[in-house]
C-alpha cells in the first residue's frame, strides 16, 4: 500500500526518477492548494456573517479552515453543505479546551473545511456560494 501511495504521488510530478517526480509533485500540490486557499479566503472575506478562525492569509498555513456562520449551528451548516454534496466537519475536533476558551463549545464548535490537491477551483466557488446561501437564511 505504501508503494502504491508513493507511486501515485510521483505520478503527479515530472522528472527522470521517482524522487524528482515526488519533489515536483509536492511543489505542484503546494502551489495548487495555496491557490485554492487564497481563493477561499478572498471569497469568505466578502461574507460579513462568516467569521474565520486563524490566519486570514495563506502565509504559513495549510488549506484547512475553521469558520463560524453567524446565527447558525455548525452541524446545521454542515448539513446544508452535505445536501449539496459538499462534505465538511463540524464540532470541536478533539480540541475541547480550545473551543471552551473561545466560548464555542456550547454552540457546537466550528465548521472545518479542507482542500486537497484534487479539489478544483469550481468546487471552491460552489462551496463559497453554498456558504453564502446558508449565511443569508435566518436560523
N, C-alpha and C. Protein backbone atom coordinates (compact mmCIF):
# COMPACT_ATOMS: atom_id res chain seq x y z
N UNK A 1 0.79 -1.19 0.00
CA UNK A 1 0.00 0.00 0.00
C UNK A 1 0.85 1.27 0.00
N UNK A 2 1.94 1.26 0.76
CA UNK A 2 2.80 2.44 0.83
C UNK A 2 3.42 2.72 -0.54
N UNK A 3 3.89 1.65 -1.19
CA UNK A 3 4.50 1.81 -2.52
C UNK A 3 3.48 2.39 -3.50
N UNK A 4 2.26 1.91 -3.44
CA UNK A 4 1.21 2.42 -4.34
C UNK A 4 0.95 3.90 -4.06
N UNK A 5 0.94 4.30 -2.80
CA UNK A 5 0.72 5.71 -2.46
C UNK A 5 1.86 6.58 -2.97
N UNK A 6 3.08 6.12 -2.79
CA UNK A 6 4.24 6.88 -3.27
C UNK A 6 4.22 6.97 -4.79
N UNK A 7 3.90 5.86 -5.45
CA UNK A 7 3.83 5.87 -6.92
C UNK A 7 2.74 6.82 -7.41
N UNK A 8 1.60 6.84 -6.71
CA UNK A 8 0.54 7.78 -7.08
C UNK A 8 1.03 9.21 -6.99
N UNK A 9 1.62 9.56 -5.86
CA UNK A 9 2.12 10.92 -5.70
C UNK A 9 3.18 11.25 -6.74
N UNK A 10 4.07 10.33 -7.01
CA UNK A 10 5.11 10.56 -8.03
C UNK A 10 4.49 10.77 -9.41
N UNK A 11 3.35 10.13 -9.65
CA UNK A 11 2.69 10.28 -10.96
C UNK A 11 2.17 11.69 -11.19
N UNK A 12 2.08 12.47 -10.14
CA UNK A 12 1.60 13.85 -10.26
C UNK A 12 2.72 14.83 -10.60
N UNK A 13 3.96 14.35 -10.57
CA UNK A 13 5.10 15.22 -10.83
C UNK A 13 5.82 14.85 -12.11
N UNK A 14 6.91 15.55 -12.34
CA UNK A 14 7.72 15.30 -13.53
C UNK A 14 9.17 15.12 -13.11
N UNK A 15 9.92 14.41 -13.92
CA UNK A 15 11.34 14.21 -13.65
C UNK A 15 11.81 12.85 -14.10
N UNK A 16 13.11 12.66 -14.11
CA UNK A 16 13.68 11.42 -14.63
C UNK A 16 13.60 10.23 -13.67
N UNK A 17 13.39 10.49 -12.37
CA UNK A 17 13.32 9.39 -11.41
C UNK A 17 12.22 9.67 -10.38
N UNK A 18 11.91 8.67 -9.58
CA UNK A 18 10.79 8.78 -8.65
C UNK A 18 11.00 9.92 -7.64
N UNK A 19 12.20 10.06 -7.13
CA UNK A 19 12.45 11.14 -6.16
C UNK A 19 12.20 12.51 -6.77
N UNK A 20 12.70 12.76 -7.96
CA UNK A 20 12.49 14.07 -8.58
C UNK A 20 11.01 14.27 -8.93
N UNK A 21 10.33 13.19 -9.30
CA UNK A 21 8.88 13.32 -9.57
C UNK A 21 8.12 13.64 -8.29
N UNK A 22 8.56 13.05 -7.16
CA UNK A 22 7.92 13.35 -5.87
C UNK A 22 8.14 14.81 -5.48
N UNK A 23 9.36 15.28 -5.61
CA UNK A 23 9.65 16.68 -5.28
C UNK A 23 8.81 17.60 -6.17
N UNK A 24 8.76 17.30 -7.44
CA UNK A 24 7.96 18.10 -8.38
C UNK A 24 6.47 18.04 -8.01
N UNK A 25 6.00 16.85 -7.66
CA UNK A 25 4.59 16.69 -7.29
C UNK A 25 4.25 17.50 -6.05
N UNK A 26 5.09 17.42 -5.03
CA UNK A 26 4.81 18.17 -3.80
C UNK A 26 4.83 19.67 -4.06
N UNK A 27 5.72 20.13 -4.91
CA UNK A 27 5.73 21.56 -5.27
C UNK A 27 4.42 21.95 -5.97
N UNK A 28 4.00 21.11 -6.91
CA UNK A 28 2.75 21.39 -7.65
C UNK A 28 1.53 21.32 -6.73
N UNK A 29 1.53 20.33 -5.84
CA UNK A 29 0.41 20.20 -4.89
C UNK A 29 0.34 21.43 -4.00
N UNK A 30 1.48 21.86 -3.46
CA UNK A 30 1.50 23.03 -2.59
C UNK A 30 1.01 24.27 -3.35
N UNK A 31 1.49 24.47 -4.56
CA UNK A 31 1.05 25.63 -5.35
C UNK A 31 -0.46 25.60 -5.57
N UNK A 32 -0.98 24.44 -5.93
CA UNK A 32 -2.41 24.31 -6.20
C UNK A 32 -3.23 24.54 -4.91
N UNK A 33 -2.83 23.91 -3.82
CA UNK A 33 -3.57 24.05 -2.57
C UNK A 33 -3.49 25.48 -2.04
N UNK A 34 -2.37 26.13 -2.23
CA UNK A 34 -2.23 27.53 -1.81
C UNK A 34 -3.18 28.42 -2.61
N UNK A 35 -3.26 28.17 -3.90
CA UNK A 35 -4.18 28.93 -4.76
C UNK A 35 -5.63 28.72 -4.33
N UNK A 36 -5.98 27.47 -4.02
CA UNK A 36 -7.33 27.17 -3.54
C UNK A 36 -7.61 27.91 -2.23
N UNK A 37 -6.65 27.88 -1.33
CA UNK A 37 -6.81 28.56 -0.05
C UNK A 37 -6.98 30.06 -0.21
N UNK A 38 -6.18 30.65 -1.08
CA UNK A 38 -6.30 32.09 -1.34
C UNK A 38 -7.66 32.42 -1.93
N UNK A 39 -8.14 31.58 -2.83
CA UNK A 39 -9.46 31.78 -3.45
C UNK A 39 -10.54 31.72 -2.38
N UNK A 40 -10.43 30.73 -1.49
CA UNK A 40 -11.41 30.59 -0.41
C UNK A 40 -11.37 31.79 0.53
N UNK A 41 -10.16 32.18 0.94
CA UNK A 41 -10.04 33.31 1.86
C UNK A 41 -10.57 34.60 1.25
N UNK A 42 -10.32 34.83 -0.03
CA UNK A 42 -10.87 36.01 -0.70
C UNK A 42 -12.39 35.98 -0.68
N UNK A 43 -12.95 34.82 -0.98
CA UNK A 43 -14.41 34.69 -1.03
C UNK A 43 -15.06 34.78 0.33
N UNK A 44 -14.47 34.15 1.32
CA UNK A 44 -15.06 34.14 2.66
C UNK A 44 -14.99 35.53 3.28
N UNK A 45 -13.96 36.29 2.90
CA UNK A 45 -13.82 37.65 3.41
C UNK A 45 -14.93 38.58 2.95
N UNK A 46 -15.61 38.21 1.87
CA UNK A 46 -16.70 39.02 1.35
C UNK A 46 -18.05 38.67 2.00
N UNK A 47 -18.06 37.69 2.89
CA UNK A 47 -19.30 37.28 3.55
C UNK A 47 -19.31 37.82 4.98
N UNK A 48 -20.05 38.89 5.22
CA UNK A 48 -19.99 39.57 6.52
C UNK A 48 -20.42 38.73 7.72
N UNK A 49 -21.28 37.75 7.53
CA UNK A 49 -21.73 36.98 8.69
C UNK A 49 -20.88 35.73 8.93
N UNK A 50 -19.81 35.58 8.17
CA UNK A 50 -18.93 34.43 8.35
C UNK A 50 -17.65 34.89 9.02
N UNK A 51 -17.29 34.20 10.11
CA UNK A 51 -16.07 34.53 10.84
C UNK A 51 -15.05 33.41 10.65
N UNK A 52 -13.88 33.79 10.23
CA UNK A 52 -12.78 32.85 10.06
C UNK A 52 -11.95 32.82 11.33
N UNK A 53 -11.59 31.63 11.78
CA UNK A 53 -10.69 31.48 12.92
C UNK A 53 -9.33 31.06 12.37
N UNK A 54 -8.31 31.80 12.75
CA UNK A 54 -6.98 31.52 12.24
C UNK A 54 -6.53 32.59 11.28
N UNK A 55 -5.33 32.43 10.73
CA UNK A 55 -4.76 33.44 9.83
C UNK A 55 -5.65 33.68 8.60
N UNK A 56 -5.73 34.94 8.20
CA UNK A 56 -6.55 35.32 7.05
C UNK A 56 -5.73 35.36 5.77
N UNK A 57 -4.57 34.72 5.77
CA UNK A 57 -3.78 34.61 4.54
C UNK A 57 -3.20 33.20 4.51
N UNK A 58 -2.64 32.83 3.38
CA UNK A 58 -2.05 31.50 3.24
C UNK A 58 -0.60 31.46 3.69
N UNK A 59 -0.13 32.54 4.25
CA UNK A 59 1.24 32.57 4.77
C UNK A 59 1.35 31.63 5.98
N UNK A 60 2.22 30.66 5.89
CA UNK A 60 2.49 29.73 6.99
C UNK A 60 1.26 28.94 7.44
N UNK A 61 0.41 28.54 6.51
CA UNK A 61 -0.73 27.72 6.87
C UNK A 61 -1.04 26.72 5.77
N UNK A 62 -1.83 25.75 6.09
CA UNK A 62 -2.32 24.78 5.12
C UNK A 62 -3.77 25.13 4.78
N UNK A 63 -4.32 24.58 3.71
CA UNK A 63 -5.69 24.95 3.31
C UNK A 63 -6.78 24.22 4.10
N UNK A 64 -6.72 24.39 5.42
CA UNK A 64 -7.75 23.88 6.31
C UNK A 64 -8.24 25.07 7.12
N UNK A 65 -9.56 25.24 7.18
CA UNK A 65 -10.13 26.46 7.74
C UNK A 65 -11.23 26.12 8.74
N UNK A 66 -11.33 26.94 9.78
CA UNK A 66 -12.39 26.82 10.77
C UNK A 66 -13.21 28.10 10.68
N UNK A 67 -14.52 27.94 10.48
CA UNK A 67 -15.40 29.11 10.35
C UNK A 67 -16.63 28.97 11.23
N UNK A 68 -17.21 30.13 11.49
CA UNK A 68 -18.50 30.23 12.16
C UNK A 68 -19.40 31.02 11.24
N UNK A 69 -20.57 30.49 10.97
CA UNK A 69 -21.56 31.20 10.16
C UNK A 69 -22.57 31.77 11.14
N UNK A 70 -22.48 33.07 11.36
CA UNK A 70 -23.29 33.75 12.37
C UNK A 70 -24.75 33.35 12.34
N UNK A 71 -25.25 32.99 13.52
CA UNK A 71 -26.66 32.64 13.65
C UNK A 71 -26.98 31.20 13.31
N UNK A 72 -25.97 30.41 12.98
CA UNK A 72 -26.20 29.01 12.59
C UNK A 72 -25.27 28.08 13.36
N UNK A 73 -25.84 26.98 13.84
CA UNK A 73 -25.02 25.97 14.50
C UNK A 73 -24.16 25.27 13.44
N UNK A 74 -22.95 24.89 13.83
CA UNK A 74 -22.06 24.22 12.88
C UNK A 74 -22.65 22.96 12.27
N UNK A 75 -23.39 22.17 13.05
CA UNK A 75 -23.97 20.96 12.49
C UNK A 75 -25.03 21.28 11.43
N UNK A 76 -25.74 22.39 11.60
CA UNK A 76 -26.72 22.81 10.60
C UNK A 76 -26.06 23.27 9.31
N UNK A 77 -24.94 23.98 9.43
CA UNK A 77 -24.18 24.43 8.26
C UNK A 77 -23.63 23.20 7.53
N UNK A 78 -23.06 22.27 8.28
CA UNK A 78 -22.52 21.05 7.67
C UNK A 78 -23.62 20.27 6.96
N UNK A 79 -24.79 20.21 7.55
CA UNK A 79 -25.93 19.50 6.91
C UNK A 79 -26.33 20.20 5.61
N UNK A 80 -26.41 21.52 5.64
CA UNK A 80 -26.75 22.30 4.45
C UNK A 80 -25.75 22.00 3.33
N UNK A 81 -24.48 22.00 3.66
CA UNK A 81 -23.44 21.74 2.66
C UNK A 81 -23.51 20.29 2.18
N UNK A 82 -23.75 19.35 3.08
CA UNK A 82 -23.85 17.93 2.71
C UNK A 82 -24.98 17.70 1.72
N UNK A 83 -26.08 18.42 1.91
CA UNK A 83 -27.21 18.29 0.99
C UNK A 83 -26.85 18.74 -0.42
N UNK A 84 -25.77 19.46 -0.54
CA UNK A 84 -25.28 19.94 -1.84
C UNK A 84 -24.04 19.16 -2.29
N UNK A 85 -23.77 18.05 -1.60
CA UNK A 85 -22.65 17.20 -1.98
C UNK A 85 -21.30 17.71 -1.53
N UNK A 86 -21.29 18.59 -0.53
CA UNK A 86 -20.04 19.15 0.00
C UNK A 86 -19.86 18.67 1.43
N UNK A 87 -18.75 18.02 1.67
CA UNK A 87 -18.57 17.39 2.96
C UNK A 87 -17.49 18.10 3.77
N UNK A 88 -17.90 18.57 4.93
CA UNK A 88 -17.05 19.30 5.86
C UNK A 88 -17.23 18.64 7.22
N UNK A 89 -16.49 19.10 8.20
CA UNK A 89 -16.61 18.61 9.56
C UNK A 89 -17.24 19.70 10.41
N UNK A 90 -17.90 19.27 11.48
CA UNK A 90 -18.39 20.24 12.45
C UNK A 90 -18.09 19.70 13.84
N UNK A 91 -17.95 20.61 14.78
CA UNK A 91 -17.73 20.19 16.16
C UNK A 91 -16.48 20.79 16.76
N UNK A 92 -15.87 20.04 17.69
CA UNK A 92 -14.71 20.56 18.42
C UNK A 92 -13.40 19.92 17.98
N UNK A 93 -13.44 18.87 17.15
CA UNK A 93 -12.24 18.21 16.58
C UNK A 93 -11.28 17.78 17.68
N UNK A 94 -11.79 17.39 18.81
CA UNK A 94 -10.99 16.95 19.97
C UNK A 94 -10.18 18.09 20.58
N UNK A 95 -10.46 19.31 20.20
CA UNK A 95 -9.81 20.48 20.80
C UNK A 95 -10.81 21.12 21.76
N UNK A 96 -11.27 20.34 22.70
CA UNK A 96 -12.32 20.78 23.63
C UNK A 96 -11.88 22.02 24.40
N UNK A 97 -10.65 22.01 24.92
CA UNK A 97 -10.17 23.16 25.69
C UNK A 97 -10.13 24.43 24.87
N UNK A 98 -9.70 24.32 23.62
CA UNK A 98 -9.63 25.50 22.74
C UNK A 98 -11.04 26.03 22.48
N UNK A 99 -11.96 25.13 22.15
CA UNK A 99 -13.34 25.57 21.88
C UNK A 99 -13.97 26.18 23.13
N UNK A 100 -13.63 25.62 24.28
CA UNK A 100 -14.13 26.17 25.54
C UNK A 100 -13.58 27.58 25.76
N UNK A 101 -12.28 27.77 25.56
CA UNK A 101 -11.66 29.08 25.72
C UNK A 101 -12.22 30.11 24.74
N UNK A 102 -12.57 29.65 23.54
CA UNK A 102 -13.15 30.55 22.54
C UNK A 102 -14.64 30.80 22.79
N UNK A 103 -15.22 30.08 23.75
CA UNK A 103 -16.64 30.24 24.04
C UNK A 103 -17.53 29.59 22.99
N UNK A 104 -17.01 28.58 22.30
CA UNK A 104 -17.75 27.98 21.19
C UNK A 104 -18.24 26.57 21.48
N UNK A 105 -17.84 26.00 22.59
CA UNK A 105 -18.18 24.61 22.89
C UNK A 105 -19.70 24.41 23.00
N UNK A 106 -20.37 25.30 23.72
CA UNK A 106 -21.81 25.15 23.91
C UNK A 106 -22.62 25.36 22.64
N UNK A 107 -22.06 26.07 21.67
CA UNK A 107 -22.79 26.28 20.41
C UNK A 107 -22.44 25.20 19.39
N UNK A 108 -21.61 24.23 19.77
CA UNK A 108 -21.31 23.12 18.88
C UNK A 108 -19.99 23.22 18.14
N UNK A 109 -19.14 24.18 18.51
CA UNK A 109 -17.83 24.29 17.89
C UNK A 109 -17.84 25.12 16.62
N UNK A 110 -17.13 24.64 15.61
CA UNK A 110 -16.99 25.36 14.35
C UNK A 110 -17.18 24.41 13.17
N UNK A 111 -17.24 24.98 11.99
CA UNK A 111 -17.25 24.21 10.74
C UNK A 111 -15.81 24.17 10.26
N UNK A 112 -15.34 22.99 9.92
CA UNK A 112 -13.96 22.82 9.44
C UNK A 112 -14.00 22.41 7.98
N UNK A 113 -13.23 23.13 7.17
CA UNK A 113 -13.20 22.93 5.73
C UNK A 113 -11.75 22.69 5.30
N UNK A 114 -11.54 21.72 4.44
CA UNK A 114 -10.19 21.46 3.97
C UNK A 114 -10.17 21.19 2.47
N UNK A 115 -9.10 21.62 1.84
CA UNK A 115 -8.91 21.39 0.41
C UNK A 115 -7.68 20.54 0.19
N UNK A 116 -7.71 19.73 -0.84
CA UNK A 116 -6.58 18.87 -1.20
C UNK A 116 -6.24 19.04 -2.67
N UNK A 117 -5.22 18.34 -3.09
CA UNK A 117 -4.72 18.51 -4.46
C UNK A 117 -5.74 18.16 -5.52
N UNK A 118 -6.75 17.39 -5.19
CA UNK A 118 -7.77 17.03 -6.17
C UNK A 118 -9.00 17.94 -6.11
N UNK A 119 -8.99 18.94 -5.25
CA UNK A 119 -10.08 19.92 -5.21
C UNK A 119 -9.89 20.90 -6.36
N UNK A 120 -11.00 21.24 -7.02
CA UNK A 120 -10.92 22.16 -8.16
C UNK A 120 -11.32 23.58 -7.74
N UNK A 121 -10.97 24.53 -8.56
CA UNK A 121 -11.38 25.93 -8.33
C UNK A 121 -12.90 26.03 -8.35
N UNK A 122 -13.54 25.30 -9.26
CA UNK A 122 -15.00 25.32 -9.33
C UNK A 122 -15.64 24.81 -8.04
N UNK A 123 -15.01 23.81 -7.42
CA UNK A 123 -15.54 23.29 -6.15
C UNK A 123 -15.42 24.32 -5.04
N UNK A 124 -14.32 25.06 -5.01
CA UNK A 124 -14.17 26.13 -4.02
C UNK A 124 -15.26 27.18 -4.24
N UNK A 125 -15.48 27.57 -5.49
CA UNK A 125 -16.51 28.56 -5.80
C UNK A 125 -17.90 28.08 -5.41
N UNK A 126 -18.20 26.81 -5.69
CA UNK A 126 -19.50 26.25 -5.32
C UNK A 126 -19.67 26.23 -3.80
N UNK A 127 -18.61 25.91 -3.08
CA UNK A 127 -18.65 25.92 -1.62
C UNK A 127 -18.92 27.32 -1.09
N UNK A 128 -18.23 28.30 -1.65
CA UNK A 128 -18.45 29.68 -1.23
C UNK A 128 -19.90 30.11 -1.49
N UNK A 129 -20.45 29.71 -2.62
CA UNK A 129 -21.85 30.04 -2.93
C UNK A 129 -22.79 29.39 -1.91
N UNK A 130 -22.51 28.14 -1.56
CA UNK A 130 -23.37 27.44 -0.60
C UNK A 130 -23.26 28.04 0.79
N UNK A 131 -22.06 28.47 1.18
CA UNK A 131 -21.90 29.14 2.48
C UNK A 131 -22.64 30.47 2.46
N UNK A 132 -22.52 31.21 1.37
CA UNK A 132 -23.25 32.47 1.25
C UNK A 132 -24.75 32.23 1.35
N UNK A 133 -25.21 31.18 0.73
CA UNK A 133 -26.63 30.84 0.74
C UNK A 133 -27.11 30.59 2.17
N UNK A 134 -26.41 29.78 2.92
CA UNK A 134 -26.84 29.47 4.29
C UNK A 134 -26.66 30.69 5.19
N UNK A 135 -25.69 31.53 4.91
CA UNK A 135 -25.44 32.69 5.78
C UNK A 135 -26.54 33.74 5.66
N UNK A 136 -27.31 33.71 4.59
CA UNK A 136 -28.37 34.70 4.41
C UNK A 136 -29.71 34.21 4.93
N UNK A 137 -29.77 32.94 5.35
CA UNK A 137 -31.01 32.37 5.88
C UNK A 137 -30.99 32.49 7.39
N UNK A 138 -32.11 32.97 7.99
CA UNK A 138 -32.13 33.03 9.45
C UNK A 138 -32.34 31.63 10.01
N UNK A 139 -31.70 31.43 11.15
CA UNK A 139 -31.80 30.10 11.78
C UNK A 139 -33.03 29.99 12.64
